[in-house]
PDB file of N, CA and C in Angstrom:
ATOM      1  N   MET A   1      -9.050  13.570  -4.186  1.00  0.00           N
ATOM      2  CA  MET A   1      -8.035  13.015  -4.991  1.00  0.00           C
ATOM      3  C   MET A   1      -8.625  12.596  -6.196  1.00  0.00           C
ATOM      4  N   SER A   2      -8.122  13.072  -7.387  1.00  0.00           N
ATOM      5  CA  SER A   2      -8.474  12.810  -8.676  1.00  0.00           C
ATOM      6  C   SER A   2      -7.979  11.495  -9.165  1.00  0.00           C
ATOM      7  N   GLY A   3      -8.513  11.011 -10.211  1.00  0.00           N
ATOM      8  CA  GLY A   3      -7.898   9.718 -10.852  1.00  0.00           C
ATOM      9  C   GLY A   3      -6.501   9.921 -11.217  1.00  0.00           C
ATOM     10  N   ASP A   4      -6.223  11.350 -11.687  1.00  0.00           N
ATOM     11  CA  ASP A   4      -4.727  11.457 -12.150  1.00  0.00           C
ATOM     12  C   ASP A   4      -3.806  11.486 -11.016  1.00  0.00           C
ATOM     13  N   ASP A   5      -4.157  11.474  -9.717  1.00  0.00           N
ATOM     14  CA  ASP A   5      -3.373  11.413  -8.660  1.00  0.00           C
ATOM     15  C   ASP A   5      -2.878  10.207  -8.254  1.00  0.00           C
ATOM     16  N   ILE A   6      -3.616   9.160  -8.631  1.00  0.00           N
ATOM     17  CA  ILE A   6      -3.417   7.668  -8.200  1.00  0.00           C
ATOM     18  C   ILE A   6      -1.969   7.359  -8.823  1.00  0.00           C
ATOM     19  N   GLY A   7      -1.079   6.794  -7.890  1.00  0.00           N
ATOM     20  CA  GLY A   7       0.274   6.365  -8.368  1.00  0.00           C
ATOM     21  C   GLY A   7       1.209   7.402  -8.286  1.00  0.00           C
ATOM     22  N   ARG A   8       0.827   8.781  -7.966  1.00  0.00           N
ATOM     23  CA  ARG A   8       1.698   9.880  -8.032  1.00  0.00           C
ATOM     24  C   ARG A   8       2.630   9.677  -6.646  1.00  0.00           C
ATOM     25  N   ASP A   9       3.993   9.892  -6.902  1.00  0.00           N
ATOM     26  CA  ASP A   9       4.930   9.665  -5.668  1.00  0.00           C
ATOM     27  C   ASP A   9       4.684  10.897  -4.725  1.00  0.00           C
ATOM     28  N   ARG A  10       4.105  10.386  -3.479  1.00  0.00           N
ATOM     29  CA  ARG A  10       4.018  11.549  -2.351  1.00  0.00           C
ATOM     30  C   ARG A  10       4.915  11.455  -1.458  1.00  0.00           C
ATOM     31  N   LEU A  11       5.736  10.402  -1.536  1.00  0.00           N
ATOM     32  CA  LEU A  11       6.801  10.080  -0.366  1.00  0.00           C
ATOM     33  C   LEU A  11       8.144  10.679  -0.779  1.00  0.00           C
ATOM     34  N   GLY A  12       8.539  10.904  -1.887  1.00  0.00           N
ATOM     35  CA  GLY A  12       9.740  11.345  -2.345  1.00  0.00           C
ATOM     36  C   GLY A  12      10.836  10.359  -1.781  1.00  0.00           C
ATOM     37  N   ALA A  13      11.912  10.972  -1.318  1.00  0.00           N
ATOM     38  CA  ALA A  13      12.943  10.311  -0.874  1.00  0.00           C
ATOM     39  C   ALA A  13      12.608   9.442   0.347  1.00  0.00           C
ATOM     40  N   ALA A  14      11.395   9.739   1.004  1.00  0.00           N
ATOM     41  CA  ALA A  14      11.207   8.851   2.093  1.00  0.00           C
ATOM     42  C   ALA A  14      10.642   7.611   1.746  1.00  0.00           C
ATOM     43  N   GLY A  15      10.341   7.342   0.447  1.00  0.00           N
ATOM     44  CA  GLY A  15       9.606   6.176  -0.268  1.00  0.00           C
ATOM     45  C   GLY A  15      10.830   5.055   0.075  1.00  0.00           C
ATOM     46  N   ASP A  16      12.024   5.301  -0.120  1.00  0.00           N
ATOM     47  CA  ASP A  16      12.886   4.320   0.190  1.00  0.00           C
ATOM     48  C   ASP A  16      13.025   3.896   1.459  1.00  0.00           C
ATOM     49  N   ASP A  17      12.840   4.851   2.505  1.00  0.00           N
ATOM     50  CA  ASP A  17      12.911   4.448   3.830  1.00  0.00           C
ATOM     51  C   ASP A  17      11.603   3.588   4.075  1.00  0.00           C
ATOM     52  N   PHE A  18      10.372   3.915   3.613  1.00  0.00           N
ATOM     53  CA  PHE A  18       9.159   3.155   3.768  1.00  0.00           C
ATOM     54  C   PHE A  18       9.420   1.693   3.187  1.00  0.00           C
ATOM     55  N   TYR A  19      10.073   1.525   2.035  1.00  0.00           N
ATOM     56  CA  TYR A  19      10.414   0.371   1.393  1.00  0.00           C
ATOM     57  C   TYR A  19      11.179  -0.564   2.349  1.00  0.00           C
ATOM     58  N   ALA A  20      12.197   0.147   2.820  1.00  0.00           N
ATOM     59  CA  ALA A  20      13.093  -0.550   3.791  1.00  0.00           C
ATOM     60  C   ALA A  20      12.316  -1.092   5.073  1.00  0.00           C
ATOM     61  N   MET A  21      11.507  -0.239   5.535  1.00  0.00           N
ATOM     62  CA  MET A  21      10.582  -0.711   6.683  1.00  0.00           C
ATOM     63  C   MET A  21       9.619  -1.864   6.503  1.00  0.00           C
ATOM     64  N   LEU A  22       9.135  -1.821   5.216  1.00  0.00           N
ATOM     65  CA  LEU A  22       8.317  -2.874   4.888  1.00  0.00           C
ATOM     66  C   LEU A  22       9.006  -4.029   4.671  1.00  0.00           C
ATOM     67  N   MET A  23      10.242  -4.097   4.123  1.00  0.00           N
ATOM     68  CA  MET A  23      11.027  -5.345   4.065  1.00  0.00           C
ATOM     69  C   MET A  23      11.377  -5.799   5.285  1.00  0.00           C
ATOM     70  N   ALA A  24      11.728  -5.046   6.236  1.00  0.00           N
ATOM     71  CA  ALA A  24      12.168  -5.365   7.468  1.00  0.00           C
ATOM     72  C   ALA A  24      10.980  -5.916   8.361  1.00  0.00           C
ATOM     73  N   ALA A  25       9.745  -5.619   8.091  1.00  0.00           N
ATOM     74  CA  ALA A  25       8.558  -5.962   8.816  1.00  0.00           C
ATOM     75  C   ALA A  25       8.298  -7.430   8.252  1.00  0.00           C
ATOM     76  N   HIS A  26       8.721  -7.802   6.977  1.00  0.00           N
ATOM     77  CA  HIS A  26       8.491  -9.076   6.478  1.00  0.00           C
ATOM     78  C   HIS A  26       9.749 -10.067   6.708  1.00  0.00           C
ATOM     79  N   GLU A  27      10.760  -9.605   7.221  1.00  0.00           N
ATOM     80  CA  GLU A  27      12.001 -10.391   7.446  1.00  0.00           C
ATOM     81  C   GLU A  27      11.556 -11.451   8.486  1.00  0.00           C
ATOM     82  N   GLY A  28      12.005 -12.648   8.142  1.00  0.00           N
ATOM     83  CA  GLY A  28      11.709 -13.833   9.008  1.00  0.00           C
ATOM     84  C   GLY A  28      10.376 -14.518   9.051  1.00  0.00           C
ATOM     85  N   LEU A  29       9.417 -13.985   8.307  1.00  0.00           N
ATOM     86  CA  LEU A  29       8.110 -14.324   8.304  1.00  0.00           C
ATOM     87  C   LEU A  29       7.928 -15.426   7.019  1.00  0.00           C
ATOM     88  N   SER A  30       7.143 -16.489   7.292  1.00  0.00           N
ATOM     89  CA  SER A  30       6.860 -17.360   6.519  1.00  0.00           C
ATOM     90  C   SER A  30       6.051 -16.712   5.430  1.00  0.00           C
ATOM     91  N   LEU A  31       5.708 -17.384   4.185  1.00  0.00           N
ATOM     92  CA  LEU A  31       4.939 -16.899   3.137  1.00  0.00           C
ATOM     93  C   LEU A  31       3.592 -16.597   3.535  1.00  0.00           C
ATOM     94  N   GLU A  32       3.014 -17.570   4.574  1.00  0.00           N
ATOM     95  CA  GLU A  32       1.741 -17.318   4.889  1.00  0.00           C
ATOM     96  C   GLU A  32       1.540 -16.204   5.832  1.00  0.00           C
ATOM     97  N   ASP A  33       2.640 -16.010   6.700  1.00  0.00           N
ATOM     98  CA  ASP A  33       2.608 -14.926   7.672  1.00  0.00           C
ATOM     99  C   ASP A  33       2.785 -13.632   6.941  1.00  0.00           C
ATOM    100  N   SER A  34       3.632 -13.589   5.964  1.00  0.00           N
ATOM    101  CA  SER A  34       3.959 -12.401   5.088  1.00  0.00           C
ATOM    102  C   SER A  34       2.744 -11.950   4.351  1.00  0.00           C
ATOM    103  N   THR A  35       1.893 -13.048   3.996  1.00  0.00           N
ATOM    104  CA  THR A  35       0.629 -12.707   3.151  1.00  0.00           C
ATOM    105  C   THR A  35      -0.530 -12.033   4.145  1.00  0.00           C
ATOM    106  N   LYS A  36      -0.507 -12.578   5.358  1.00  0.00           N
ATOM    107  CA  LYS A  36      -1.393 -12.058   6.326  1.00  0.00           C
ATOM    108  C   LYS A  36      -0.962 -10.562   6.729  1.00  0.00           C
ATOM    109  N   LEU A  37       0.353 -10.282   6.791  1.00  0.00           N
ATOM    110  CA  LEU A  37       0.824  -8.903   7.134  1.00  0.00           C
ATOM    111  C   LEU A  37       0.474  -7.940   6.045  1.00  0.00           C
ATOM    112  N   ASN A  38       0.533  -8.405   4.789  1.00  0.00           N
ATOM    113  CA  ASN A  38       0.079  -7.658   3.558  1.00  0.00           C
ATOM    114  C   ASN A  38      -1.422  -7.315   3.698  1.00  0.00           C
ATOM    115  N   ALA A  39      -2.130  -8.374   3.968  1.00  0.00           N
ATOM    116  CA  ALA A  39      -3.619  -8.161   4.125  1.00  0.00           C
ATOM    117  C   ALA A  39      -3.998  -7.124   5.268  1.00  0.00           C
ATOM    118  N   ARG A  40      -3.375  -7.268   6.282  1.00  0.00           N
ATOM    119  CA  ARG A  40      -3.459  -6.325   7.430  1.00  0.00           C
ATOM    120  C   ARG A  40      -3.167  -5.036   7.019  1.00  0.00           C
ATOM    121  N   LEU A  41      -2.079  -4.842   6.438  1.00  0.00           N
ATOM    122  CA  LEU A  41      -1.543  -3.550   5.978  1.00  0.00           C
ATOM    123  C   LEU A  41      -2.495  -2.758   5.092  1.00  0.00           C
ATOM    124  N   VAL A  42      -2.889  -3.596   4.065  1.00  0.00           N
ATOM    125  CA  VAL A  42      -3.945  -2.966   3.150  1.00  0.00           C
ATOM    126  C   VAL A  42      -5.172  -2.545   3.845  1.00  0.00           C
ATOM    127  N   LEU A  43      -5.692  -3.355   4.777  1.00  0.00           N
ATOM    128  CA  LEU A  43      -6.862  -3.032   5.419  1.00  0.00           C
ATOM    129  C   LEU A  43      -6.685  -1.640   6.334  1.00  0.00           C
ATOM    130  N   LEU A  44      -5.447  -1.625   6.929  1.00  0.00           N
ATOM    131  CA  LEU A  44      -5.138  -0.357   7.755  1.00  0.00           C
ATOM    132  C   LEU A  44      -5.093   0.811   6.807  1.00  0.00           C
ATOM    133  N   LEU A  45      -4.274   0.625   5.756  1.00  0.00           N
ATOM    134  CA  LEU A  45      -4.176   1.938   4.875  1.00  0.00           C
ATOM    135  C   LEU A  45      -5.488   2.239   4.179  1.00  0.00           C
ATOM    136  N   ALA A  46      -6.373   1.298   3.903  1.00  0.00           N
ATOM    137  CA  ALA A  46      -7.693   1.482   3.397  1.00  0.00           C
ATOM    138  C   ALA A  46      -8.584   2.507   4.459  1.00  0.00           C
ATOM    139  N   ASN A  47      -8.449   2.006   5.687  1.00  0.00           N
ATOM    140  CA  ASN A  47      -9.151   2.541   6.820  1.00  0.00           C
ATOM    141  C   ASN A  47      -8.554   4.148   6.918  1.00  0.00           C
ATOM    142  N   GLN A  48      -7.241   4.333   6.780  1.00  0.00           N
ATOM    143  CA  GLN A  48      -6.544   5.589   6.928  1.00  0.00           C
ATOM    144  C   GLN A  48      -6.996   6.491   5.533  1.00  0.00           C
ATOM    145  N   VAL A  49      -7.259   5.825   4.549  1.00  0.00           N
ATOM    146  CA  VAL A  49      -7.779   6.684   3.343  1.00  0.00           C
ATOM    147  C   VAL A  49      -9.098   7.041   3.655  1.00  0.00           C
ATOM    148  N   GLY A  50      -9.941   6.119   4.014  1.00  0.00           N
ATOM    149  CA  GLY A  50     -11.263   6.390   4.347  1.00  0.00           C
ATOM    150  C   GLY A  50     -12.281   6.861   3.227  1.00  0.00           C
ATOM    151  N   ASP A  51     -11.863   6.758   1.958  1.00  0.00           N
ATOM    152  CA  ASP A  51     -12.944   7.233   0.856  1.00  0.00           C
ATOM    153  C   ASP A  51     -13.069   6.073  -0.071  1.00  0.00           C
ATOM    154  N   PRO A  52     -14.357   5.628  -0.009  1.00  0.00           N
ATOM    155  CA  PRO A  52     -14.445   4.452  -1.060  1.00  0.00           C
ATOM    156  C   PRO A  52     -14.240   4.723  -2.426  1.00  0.00           C
ATOM    157  N   GLU A  53     -14.442   5.891  -2.923  1.00  0.00           N
ATOM    158  CA  GLU A  53     -14.218   6.324  -4.378  1.00  0.00           C
ATOM    159  C   GLU A  53     -12.696   6.200  -4.660  1.00  0.00           C
ATOM    160  N   THR A  54     -11.970   6.770  -3.588  1.00  0.00           N
ATOM    161  CA  THR A  54     -10.602   6.795  -3.848  1.00  0.00           C
ATOM    162  C   THR A  54     -10.093   5.220  -3.894  1.00  0.00           C
ATOM    163  N   LEU A  55     -10.524   4.479  -2.843  1.00  0.00           N
ATOM    164  CA  LEU A  55     -10.074   2.995  -2.923  1.00  0.00           C
ATOM    165  C   LEU A  55     -10.424   2.353  -4.127  1.00  0.00           C
ATOM    166  N   LYS A  56     -11.591   2.696  -4.595  1.00  0.00           N
ATOM    167  CA  LYS A  56     -12.034   2.048  -5.884  1.00  0.00           C
ATOM    168  C   LYS A  56     -11.041   2.250  -7.135  1.00  0.00           C
ATOM    169  N   LYS A  57     -10.680   3.598  -7.177  1.00  0.00           N
ATOM    170  CA  LYS A  57      -9.599   3.986  -8.125  1.00  0.00           C
ATOM    171  C   LYS A  57      -8.315   3.425  -7.962  1.00  0.00           C
ATOM    172  N   VAL A  58      -7.870   3.315  -6.677  1.00  0.00           N
ATOM    173  CA  VAL A  58      -6.618   2.626  -6.351  1.00  0.00           C
ATOM    174  C   VAL A  58      -6.566   1.179  -6.632  1.00  0.00           C
ATOM    175  N   LEU A  59      -7.622   0.473  -6.305  1.00  0.00           N
ATOM    176  CA  LEU A  59      -7.904  -1.008  -6.669  1.00  0.00           C
ATOM    177  C   LEU A  59      -7.680  -1.140  -8.364  1.00  0.00           C
ATOM    178  N   ALA A  60      -8.489  -0.223  -8.894  1.00  0.00           N
ATOM    179  CA  ALA A  60      -8.394  -0.345 -10.429  1.00  0.00           C
ATOM    180  C   ALA A  60      -7.156  -0.161 -10.974  1.00  0.00           C
ATOM    181  N   ALA A  61      -6.295   0.833 -10.554  1.00  0.00           N
ATOM    182  CA  ALA A  61      -5.060   1.180 -10.892  1.00  0.00           C
ATOM    183  C   ALA A  61      -3.969  -0.024 -10.497  1.00  0.00           C
ATOM    184  N   ALA A  62      -4.208  -0.523  -9.436  1.00  0.00           N
ATOM    185  CA  ALA A  62      -3.294  -1.553  -8.888  1.00  0.00           C
ATOM    186  C   ALA A  62      -3.561  -2.940  -9.886  1.00  0.00           C
ATOM    187  N   ARG A  63      -4.616  -3.063 -10.285  1.00  0.00           N
ATOM    188  CA  ARG A  63      -5.103  -4.261 -11.292  1.00  0.00           C
ATOM    189  C   ARG A  63      -4.194  -4.058 -12.719  1.00  0.00           C
ATOM    190  N   LYS A  64      -4.122  -2.729 -13.081  1.00  0.00           N
ATOM    191  CA  LYS A  64      -3.565  -2.360 -14.321  1.00  0.00           C
ATOM    192  C   LYS A  64      -2.093  -2.603 -14.329  1.00  0.00           C
ATOM    193  N   THR A  65      -1.376  -2.279 -13.311  1.00  0.00           N
ATOM    194  CA  THR A  65       0.061  -2.284 -13.254  1.00  0.00           C
ATOM    195  C   THR A  65       0.544  -3.810 -12.728  1.00  0.00           C
TER     196      THR A  65
END
């Protein structure tokens, strides 16, 4: 994955479905539990990506936006 690919929409129309699932996962959670869910989700997705250089680029991009 090049630096130009970071942030590119890969989900298309399924992005809306994912967003709805994400919001449903947070429904009814306290702010603390919601924060913990986000942290677990980030770690699971980072493990799925599995490439430290890509993760470094993603972190840098996230800080810019």
